[in-house]
Amino acid sequence: MRITDADNFRRTLSGLCLIAAPLVLLCAMVVHGGGGDSGLVDAMVESPGRVQAANLLIMFSSVLFVPALVGLLRLVRGRGVVLGHIGVALALIGVVAHAVWAGFQIVLLGLVQGGAVDRARMADLVSGGPPNAGFVIVMLTFMIGFFLGLLFVAGGLWRSGAVPGWAAVCIFLVPFSDFVPGGAIVSILGPVLALVGFGTAGLKLLSMPDAEWSRGRTPSAGEVGMGPQPRVQ
């Protein structure tokens, strides 16, 4: 990575983030002590440190996904441009909502640890449905943005042929992994698929020449109509 070379820095940063973002998310799912209905509250009581660490990792992964997704657009060209741009726009919204959801869990953790609410009552609150309209909006934003966005991103990568077909399929399957029944092992299925799919795209960016990354950019005012200049003795 050359910080003085804008094209090299952006390409390298995006490629590294495409690998690091799903990897950090995978670590978060491994660290998390539980989830879903009363299991989440039980995990907060029994392993508060794990829950807090996991949600901080989720928030960190959301930060990494921003340059990763923006840089991914450099791979999407030709027939996949429209799908790719729509997908990245939706996925970025979903990434923000995912960070908000992680922050919400940290707030719940503080309430449970402080004894502000009864453990059984908190479990009923989590399993009984969203507490207010704002919560509904956050969850819908996450589901529509991140899940639907990934489908469009996968479609854009597939149509443009930017990555191997199996890598695009892995990204396409990430949203559906949440509906697979199972325990803690199944919960890491989505991040594993994301790591394979986005990691492949990240390796593609890291191996891409800087000239190919900068192809198609708008020339600066000083470059327009300027050819090689003779050396002055």
C-alpha atoms as a PDB file:
ATOM      1  CA  MET A   1       0.000   0.000   0.000  1.00  0.00           C
ATOM      2  CA  ARG A   2       1.389   3.385  -1.052  1.00  0.00           C
ATOM      3  CA  ILE A   3      -0.356   6.178   0.835  1.00  0.00           C
ATOM      4  CA  THR A   4       1.015   8.776  -1.568  1.00  0.00           C
ATOM      5  CA  ASP A   5      -0.631   7.055  -4.550  1.00  0.00           C
ATOM      6  CA  ALA A   6      -4.389   7.632  -4.392  1.00  0.00           C
ATOM      7  CA  ASP A   7      -5.354   4.830  -6.787  1.00  0.00           C
ATOM      8  CA  ASN A   8      -3.086   2.307  -5.095  1.00  0.00           C
ATOM      9  CA  PHE A   9      -4.281   3.283  -1.617  1.00  0.00           C
ATOM     10  CA  ARG A  10      -7.976   3.063  -2.497  1.00  0.00           C
ATOM     11  CA  ARG A  11      -7.609  -0.247  -4.303  1.00  0.00           C
ATOM     12  CA  THR A  12      -5.555  -1.842  -1.551  1.00  0.00           C
ATOM     13  CA  LEU A  13      -7.797  -0.517   1.228  1.00  0.00           C
ATOM     14  CA  SER A  14     -10.936  -1.763  -0.518  1.00  0.00           C
ATOM     15  CA  GLY A  15      -9.414  -5.181  -1.186  1.00  0.00           C
ATOM     16  CA  LEU A  16      -8.260  -5.603   2.404  1.00  0.00           C
ATOM     17  CA  CYS A  17     -11.638  -4.479   3.758  1.00  0.00           C
ATOM     18  CA  LEU A  18     -13.476  -6.950   1.514  1.00  0.00           C
ATOM     19  CA  ILE A  19     -11.545  -9.683   3.297  1.00  0.00           C
ATOM     20  CA  ALA A  20     -11.464  -8.166   6.792  1.00  0.00           C
ATOM     21  CA  ALA A  21     -15.129  -7.107   7.071  1.00  0.00           C
ATOM     22  CA  PRO A  22     -16.703 -10.589   6.759  1.00  0.00           C
ATOM     23  CA  LEU A  23     -13.802 -12.071   8.748  1.00  0.00           C
ATOM     24  CA  VAL A  24     -14.508  -9.733  11.685  1.00  0.00           C
ATOM     25  CA  LEU A  25     -18.224 -10.526  11.377  1.00  0.00           C
ATOM     26  CA  LEU A  26     -17.406 -14.241  11.509  1.00  0.00           C
ATOM     27  CA  CYS A  27     -15.357 -13.676  14.679  1.00  0.00           C
ATOM     28  CA  ALA A  28     -18.318 -11.794  16.178  1.00  0.00           C
ATOM     29  CA  MET A  29     -20.660 -14.718  15.555  1.00  0.00           C
ATOM     30  CA  VAL A  30     -18.160 -17.142  17.083  1.00  0.00           C
ATOM     31  CA  VAL A  31     -17.659 -14.949  20.161  1.00  0.00           C
ATOM     32  CA  HIS A  32     -21.379 -14.272  20.708  1.00  0.00           C
ATOM     33  CA  GLY A  33     -22.790 -16.401  23.491  1.00  0.00           C
ATOM     34  CA  GLY A  34     -26.275 -16.878  22.079  1.00  0.00           C
ATOM     35  CA  GLY A  35     -29.137 -15.204  20.277  1.00  0.00           C
ATOM     36  CA  GLY A  36     -32.749 -15.352  19.412  1.00  0.00           C
ATOM     37  CA  ASP A  37     -35.607 -14.916  21.882  1.00  0.00           C
ATOM     38  CA  SER A  38     -34.763 -15.677  25.510  1.00  0.00           C
ATOM     39  CA  GLY A  39     -31.423 -17.205  24.495  1.00  0.00           C
ATOM     40  CA  LEU A  40     -30.103 -13.691  23.904  1.00  0.00           C
ATOM     41  CA  VAL A  41     -31.063 -12.579  27.406  1.00  0.00           C
ATOM     42  CA  ASP A  42     -29.570 -15.745  28.900  1.00  0.00           C
ATOM     43  CA  ALA A  43     -26.314 -15.000  27.093  1.00  0.00           C
ATOM     44  CA  MET A  44     -26.347 -11.424  28.430  1.00  0.00           C
ATOM     45  CA  VAL A  45     -26.673 -12.715  31.997  1.00  0.00           C
ATOM     46  CA  GLU A  46     -24.284 -15.646  31.750  1.00  0.00           C
ATOM     47  CA  SER A  47     -21.652 -14.197  29.378  1.00  0.00           C
ATOM     48  CA  PRO A  48     -21.987 -10.401  29.304  1.00  0.00           C
ATOM     49  CA  GLY A  49     -18.382  -9.932  28.207  1.00  0.00           C
ATOM     50  CA  ARG A  50     -18.848 -12.159  25.185  1.00  0.00           C
ATOM     51  CA  VAL A  51     -22.048 -10.398  24.136  1.00  0.00           C
ATOM     52  CA  GLN A  52     -20.452  -6.972  24.440  1.00  0.00           C
ATOM     53  CA  ALA A  53     -17.305  -8.022  22.571  1.00  0.00           C
ATOM     54  CA  ALA A  54     -19.364  -9.641  19.818  1.00  0.00           C
ATOM     55  CA  ASN A  55     -21.491  -6.547  19.260  1.00  0.00           C
ATOM     56  CA  LEU A  56     -18.451  -4.277  19.236  1.00  0.00           C
ATOM     57  CA  LEU A  57     -16.973  -6.547  16.565  1.00  0.00           C
ATOM     58  CA  ILE A  58     -20.225  -6.303  14.580  1.00  0.00           C
ATOM     59  CA  MET A  59     -20.016  -2.516  14.713  1.00  0.00           C
ATOM     60  CA  PHE A  60     -16.370  -2.664  13.607  1.00  0.00           C
ATOM     61  CA  SER A  61     -17.284  -4.953  10.705  1.00  0.00           C
ATOM     62  CA  SER A  62     -19.954  -2.448   9.647  1.00  0.00           C
ATOM     63  CA  VAL A  63     -17.276   0.245   9.441  1.00  0.00           C
ATOM     64  CA  LEU A  64     -15.069  -2.024   7.325  1.00  0.00           C
ATOM     65  CA  PHE A  65     -17.940  -2.888   4.991  1.00  0.00           C
ATOM     66  CA  VAL A  66     -18.273   0.752   3.855  1.00  0.00           C
ATOM     67  CA  PRO A  67     -14.955   1.033   1.934  1.00  0.00           C
ATOM     68  CA  ALA A  68     -15.295  -2.635   0.977  1.00  0.00           C
ATOM     69  CA  LEU A  69     -18.647  -2.165  -0.769  1.00  0.00           C
ATOM     70  CA  VAL A  70     -17.683   1.147  -2.355  1.00  0.00           C
ATOM     71  CA  GLY A  71     -14.506  -0.390  -3.755  1.00  0.00           C
ATOM     72  CA  LEU A  72     -16.446  -3.408  -4.975  1.00  0.00           C
ATOM     73  CA  LEU A  73     -18.111  -1.176  -7.571  1.00  0.00           C
ATOM     74  CA  ARG A  74     -14.791  -1.010  -9.422  1.00  0.00           C
ATOM     75  CA  LEU A  75     -15.219  -4.687 -10.278  1.00  0.00           C
ATOM     76  CA  VAL A  76     -18.792  -4.318 -11.503  1.00  0.00           C
ATOM     77  CA  ARG A  77     -18.848  -3.229 -15.126  1.00  0.00           C
ATOM     78  CA  GLY A  78     -20.797  -3.860 -18.302  1.00  0.00           C
ATOM     79  CA  ARG A  79     -24.105  -5.672 -17.790  1.00  0.00           C
ATOM     80  CA  GLY A  80     -23.813  -5.702 -14.013  1.00  0.00           C
ATOM     81  CA  VAL A  81     -23.453  -1.955 -13.418  1.00  0.00           C
ATOM     82  CA  VAL A  82     -27.105  -1.192 -12.619  1.00  0.00           C
ATOM     83  CA  LEU A  83     -27.575  -4.202 -10.337  1.00  0.00           C
ATOM     84  CA  GLY A  84     -24.246  -3.556  -8.646  1.00  0.00           C
ATOM     85  CA  HIS A  85     -24.944   0.102  -7.844  1.00  0.00           C
ATOM     86  CA  ILE A  86     -28.445  -0.621  -6.542  1.00  0.00           C
ATOM     87  CA  GLY A  87     -27.109  -3.483  -4.463  1.00  0.00           C
ATOM     88  CA  VAL A  88     -24.253  -1.495  -2.933  1.00  0.00           C
ATOM     89  CA  ALA A  89     -26.581   1.416  -2.092  1.00  0.00           C
ATOM     90  CA  LEU A  90     -29.025  -0.911  -0.330  1.00  0.00           C
ATOM     91  CA  ALA A  91     -26.258  -2.879   1.382  1.00  0.00           C
ATOM     92  CA  LEU A  92     -24.695   0.293   2.790  1.00  0.00           C
ATOM     93  CA  ILE A  93     -28.041   1.193   4.372  1.00  0.00           C
ATOM     94  CA  GLY A  94     -28.258  -2.320   5.774  1.00  0.00           C
ATOM     95  CA  VAL A  95     -24.732  -2.075   7.168  1.00  0.00           C
ATOM     96  CA  VAL A  96     -25.672   1.061   9.116  1.00  0.00           C
ATOM     97  CA  ALA A  97     -28.808  -0.642  10.448  1.00  0.00           C
ATOM     98  CA  HIS A  98     -26.739  -3.660  11.492  1.00  0.00           C
ATOM     99  CA  ALA A  99     -24.479  -1.382  13.540  1.00  0.00           C
ATOM    100  CA  VAL A 100     -27.557   0.203  15.133  1.00  0.00           C
ATOM    101  CA  TRP A 101     -28.885  -3.247  16.049  1.00  0.00           C
ATOM    102  CA  ALA A 102     -25.540  -4.121  17.657  1.00  0.00           C
ATOM    103  CA  GLY A 103     -25.656  -0.891  19.640  1.00  0.00           C
ATOM    104  CA  PHE A 104     -29.196  -1.731  20.750  1.00  0.00           C
ATOM    105  CA  GLN A 105     -27.978  -5.050  22.127  1.00  0.00           C
ATOM    106  CA  ILE A 106     -25.262  -3.245  24.102  1.00  0.00           C
ATOM    107  CA  VAL A 107     -27.956  -1.001  25.602  1.00  0.00           C
ATOM    108  CA  LEU A 108     -30.026  -4.071  26.529  1.00  0.00           C
ATOM    109  CA  LEU A 109     -26.935  -5.595  28.087  1.00  0.00           C
ATOM    110  CA  GLY A 110     -26.518  -2.550  30.309  1.00  0.00           C
ATOM    111  CA  LEU A 111     -30.142  -2.775  31.438  1.00  0.00           C
ATOM    112  CA  VAL A 112     -29.827  -6.466  32.252  1.00  0.00           C
ATOM    113  CA  GLN A 113     -26.530  -6.033  34.113  1.00  0.00           C
ATOM    114  CA  GLY A 114     -27.815  -3.042  36.054  1.00  0.00           C
ATOM    115  CA  GLY A 115     -30.894  -4.904  37.181  1.00  0.00           C
ATOM    116  CA  ALA A 116     -33.143  -2.236  35.689  1.00  0.00           C
ATOM    117  CA  VAL A 117     -35.450  -4.912  34.279  1.00  0.00           C
ATOM    118  CA  ASP A 118     -36.330  -8.430  35.316  1.00  0.00           C
ATOM    119  CA  ARG A 119     -34.622 -11.206  33.356  1.00  0.00           C
ATOM    120  CA  ALA A 120     -37.894 -12.984  32.568  1.00  0.00           C
ATOM    121  CA  ARG A 121     -39.566  -9.751  31.546  1.00  0.00           C
ATOM    122  CA  MET A 122     -36.681  -8.864  29.246  1.00  0.00           C
ATOM    123  CA  ALA A 123     -36.924 -12.319  27.658  1.00  0.00           C
ATOM    124  CA  ASP A 124     -40.637 -11.755  27.047  1.00  0.00           C
ATOM    125  CA  LEU A 125     -39.860  -8.379  25.518  1.00  0.00           C
ATOM    126  CA  VAL A 126     -37.295  -9.841  23.117  1.00  0.00           C
ATOM    127  CA  SER A 127     -39.396 -12.861  22.156  1.00  0.00           C
ATOM    128  CA  GLY A 128     -42.737 -11.057  22.152  1.00  0.00           C
ATOM    129  CA  GLY A 129     -41.946  -8.794  19.240  1.00  0.00           C
ATOM    130  CA  PRO A 130     -40.585  -5.315  18.568  1.00  0.00           C
ATOM    131  CA  PRO A 131     -41.296  -2.816  21.364  1.00  0.00           C
ATOM    132  CA  ASN A 132     -42.026   0.205  19.183  1.00  0.00           C
ATOM    133  CA  ALA A 133     -42.288   1.520  15.642  1.00  0.00           C
ATOM    134  CA  GLY A 134     -38.685   2.731  15.645  1.00  0.00           C
ATOM    135  CA  PHE A 135     -37.458  -0.775  16.328  1.00  0.00           C
ATOM    136  CA  VAL A 136     -39.556  -2.051  13.409  1.00  0.00           C
ATOM    137  CA  ILE A 137     -38.013   0.550  11.104  1.00  0.00           C
ATOM    138  CA  VAL A 138     -34.468  -0.422  12.126  1.00  0.00           C
ATOM    139  CA  MET A 139     -35.103  -4.121  11.592  1.00  0.00           C
ATOM    140  CA  LEU A 140     -36.835  -3.582   8.243  1.00  0.00           C
ATOM    141  CA  THR A 141     -33.999  -1.318   7.129  1.00  0.00           C
ATOM    142  CA  PHE A 142     -31.498  -4.013   8.013  1.00  0.00           C
ATOM    143  CA  MET A 143     -33.456  -6.829   6.356  1.00  0.00           C
ATOM    144  CA  ILE A 144     -34.369  -4.928   3.182  1.00  0.00           C
ATOM    145  CA  GLY A 145     -31.051  -3.118   2.887  1.00  0.00           C
ATOM    146  CA  PHE A 146     -28.534  -5.792   3.768  1.00  0.00           C
ATOM    147  CA  PHE A 147     -30.419  -8.872   2.571  1.00  0.00           C
ATOM    148  CA  LEU A 148     -31.939  -7.477  -0.628  1.00  0.00           C
ATOM    149  CA  GLY A 149     -28.797  -5.463  -1.265  1.00  0.00           C
ATOM    150  CA  LEU A 150     -26.642  -8.602  -1.216  1.00  0.00           C
ATOM    151  CA  LEU A 151     -28.912 -10.244  -3.777  1.00  0.00           C
ATOM    152  CA  PHE A 152     -28.419  -7.306  -6.128  1.00  0.00           C
ATOM    153  CA  VAL A 153     -24.675  -7.212  -5.454  1.00  0.00           C
ATOM    154  CA  ALA A 154     -24.408 -10.910  -6.262  1.00  0.00           C
ATOM    155  CA  GLY A 155     -26.437 -10.386  -9.429  1.00  0.00           C
ATOM    156  CA  GLY A 156     -24.204  -7.512 -10.513  1.00  0.00           C
ATOM    157  CA  LEU A 157     -21.035  -9.522  -9.950  1.00  0.00           C
ATOM    158  CA  TRP A 158     -22.531 -12.496 -11.786  1.00  0.00           C
ATOM    159  CA  ARG A 159     -23.631 -10.486 -14.836  1.00  0.00           C
ATOM    160  CA  SER A 160     -20.358  -8.610 -15.083  1.00  0.00           C
ATOM    161  CA  GLY A 161     -18.259 -11.758 -14.669  1.00  0.00           C
ATOM    162  CA  ALA A 162     -16.044  -9.848 -12.249  1.00  0.00           C
ATOM    163  CA  VAL A 163     -15.580 -12.854  -9.956  1.00  0.00           C
ATOM    164  CA  PRO A 164     -15.981 -16.618 -10.425  1.00  0.00           C
ATOM    165  CA  GLY A 165     -19.606 -17.714 -10.518  1.00  0.00           C
ATOM    166  CA  TRP A 166     -19.305 -19.695  -7.286  1.00  0.00           C
ATOM    167  CA  ALA A 167     -18.161 -16.568  -5.421  1.00  0.00           C
ATOM    168  CA  ALA A 168     -21.241 -14.643  -6.587  1.00  0.00           C
ATOM    169  CA  VAL A 169     -23.426 -17.607  -5.555  1.00  0.00           C
ATOM    170  CA  CYS A 170     -21.892 -17.541  -2.051  1.00  0.00           C
ATOM    171  CA  ILE A 171     -22.853 -13.871  -1.674  1.00  0.00           C
ATOM    172  CA  PHE A 172     -26.321 -14.639  -3.044  1.00  0.00           C
ATOM    173  CA  LEU A 173     -26.829 -17.366  -0.412  1.00  0.00           C
ATOM    174  CA  VAL A 174     -25.820 -15.203   2.566  1.00  0.00           C
ATOM    175  CA  PRO A 175     -29.329 -13.735   3.155  1.00  0.00           C
ATOM    176  CA  PHE A 176     -30.915 -17.188   3.064  1.00  0.00           C
ATOM    177  CA  SER A 177     -28.506 -18.617   5.649  1.00  0.00           C
ATOM    178  CA  ASP A 178     -30.432 -16.874   8.447  1.00  0.00           C
ATOM    179  CA  PHE A 179     -33.459 -19.042   7.706  1.00  0.00           C
ATOM    180  CA  VAL A 180     -31.555 -22.312   8.150  1.00  0.00           C
ATOM    181  CA  PRO A 181     -32.599 -23.909  11.471  1.00  0.00           C
ATOM    182  CA  GLY A 182     -29.853 -24.942  13.848  1.00  0.00           C
ATOM    183  CA  GLY A 183     -27.639 -23.838  16.685  1.00  0.00           C
ATOM    184  CA  ALA A 184     -24.426 -21.918  17.032  1.00  0.00           C
ATOM    185  CA  ILE A 185     -22.740 -23.757  14.156  1.00  0.00           C
ATOM    186  CA  VAL A 186     -25.429 -22.671  11.692  1.00  0.00           C
ATOM    187  CA  SER A 187     -25.185 -19.052  12.896  1.00  0.00           C
ATOM    188  CA  ILE A 188     -21.706 -18.772  11.361  1.00  0.00           C
ATOM    189  CA  LEU A 189     -22.854 -20.093   7.973  1.00  0.00           C
ATOM    190  CA  GLY A 190     -23.719 -16.637   6.651  1.00  0.00           C
ATOM    191  CA  PRO A 191     -20.403 -15.023   7.649  1.00  0.00           C
ATOM    192  CA  VAL A 192     -18.492 -17.987   6.179  1.00  0.00           C
ATOM    193  CA  LEU A 193     -20.302 -17.617   2.851  1.00  0.00           C
ATOM    194  CA  ALA A 194     -19.690 -13.855   2.953  1.00  0.00           C
ATOM    195  CA  LEU A 195     -16.000 -14.412   3.663  1.00  0.00           C
ATOM    196  CA  VAL A 196     -15.670 -16.758   0.686  1.00  0.00           C
ATOM    197  CA  GLY A 197     -17.598 -14.498  -1.705  1.00  0.00           C
ATOM    198  CA  PHE A 198     -16.325 -11.081  -0.652  1.00  0.00           C
ATOM    199  CA  GLY A 199     -12.865 -12.456   0.112  1.00  0.00           C
ATOM    200  CA  THR A 200     -12.570 -13.666  -3.474  1.00  0.00           C
ATOM    201  CA  ALA A 201     -13.551 -10.200  -4.703  1.00  0.00           C
ATOM    202  CA  GLY A 202     -11.000  -8.699  -2.303  1.00  0.00           C
ATOM    203  CA  LEU A 203      -8.217 -10.883  -3.691  1.00  0.00           C
ATOM    204  CA  LYS A 204      -9.262  -9.827  -7.181  1.00  0.00           C
ATOM    205  CA  LEU A 205      -8.921  -6.159  -6.208  1.00  0.00           C
ATOM    206  CA  LEU A 206      -5.558  -6.728  -4.525  1.00  0.00           C
ATOM    207  CA  SER A 207      -4.196  -8.407  -7.653  1.00  0.00           C
ATOM    208  CA  MET A 208      -5.607  -5.750  -9.981  1.00  0.00           C
ATOM    209  CA  PRO A 209      -3.062  -3.331 -11.521  1.00  0.00           C
ATOM    210  CA  ASP A 210      -3.477   0.291 -10.462  1.00  0.00           C
ATOM    211  CA  ALA A 211      -3.981   1.267 -14.111  1.00  0.00           C
ATOM    212  CA  GLU A 212      -7.011  -1.020 -14.376  1.00  0.00           C
ATOM    213  CA  TRP A 213      -8.452   0.363 -11.136  1.00  0.00           C
ATOM    214  CA  SER A 214      -8.166   3.933 -12.402  1.00  0.00           C
ATOM    215  CA  ARG A 215      -9.540   3.074 -15.857  1.00  0.00           C
ATOM    216  CA  GLY A 216     -12.572   5.116 -16.679  1.00  0.00           C
ATOM    217  CA  ARG A 217     -11.913   7.882 -14.177  1.00  0.00           C
ATOM    218  CA  THR A 218     -12.477  11.467 -15.290  1.00  0.00           C
ATOM    219  CA  PRO A 219      -9.180  13.181 -16.131  1.00  0.00           C
ATOM    220  CA  SER A 220      -8.278  16.257 -14.155  1.00  0.00           C
ATOM    221  CA  ALA A 221      -8.300  19.692 -15.762  1.00  0.00           C
ATOM    222  CA  GLY A 222      -4.526  19.648 -16.094  1.00  0.00           C
ATOM    223  CA  GLU A 223      -4.614  16.308 -17.923  1.00  0.00           C
ATOM    224  CA  VAL A 224      -7.190  17.215 -20.554  1.00  0.00           C
ATOM    225  CA  GLY A 225      -5.594  17.680 -23.971  1.00  0.00           C
ATOM    226  CA  MET A 226      -2.084  17.465 -22.547  1.00  0.00           C
ATOM    227  CA  GLY A 227       0.292  15.037 -24.182  1.00  0.00           C
ATOM    228  CA  PRO A 228       3.937  14.394 -23.364  1.00  0.00           C
ATOM    229  CA  GLN A 229       5.797  17.681 -23.008  1.00  0.00           C
ATOM    230  CA  PRO A 230       9.335  18.234 -24.307  1.00  0.00           C
ATOM    231  CA  ARG A 231      12.043  18.467 -21.711  1.00  0.00           C
ATOM    232  CA  VAL A 232      13.519  21.904 -21.208  1.00  0.00           C
ATOM    233  CA  GLN A 233      17.294  21.972 -21.107  1.00  0.00           C
END
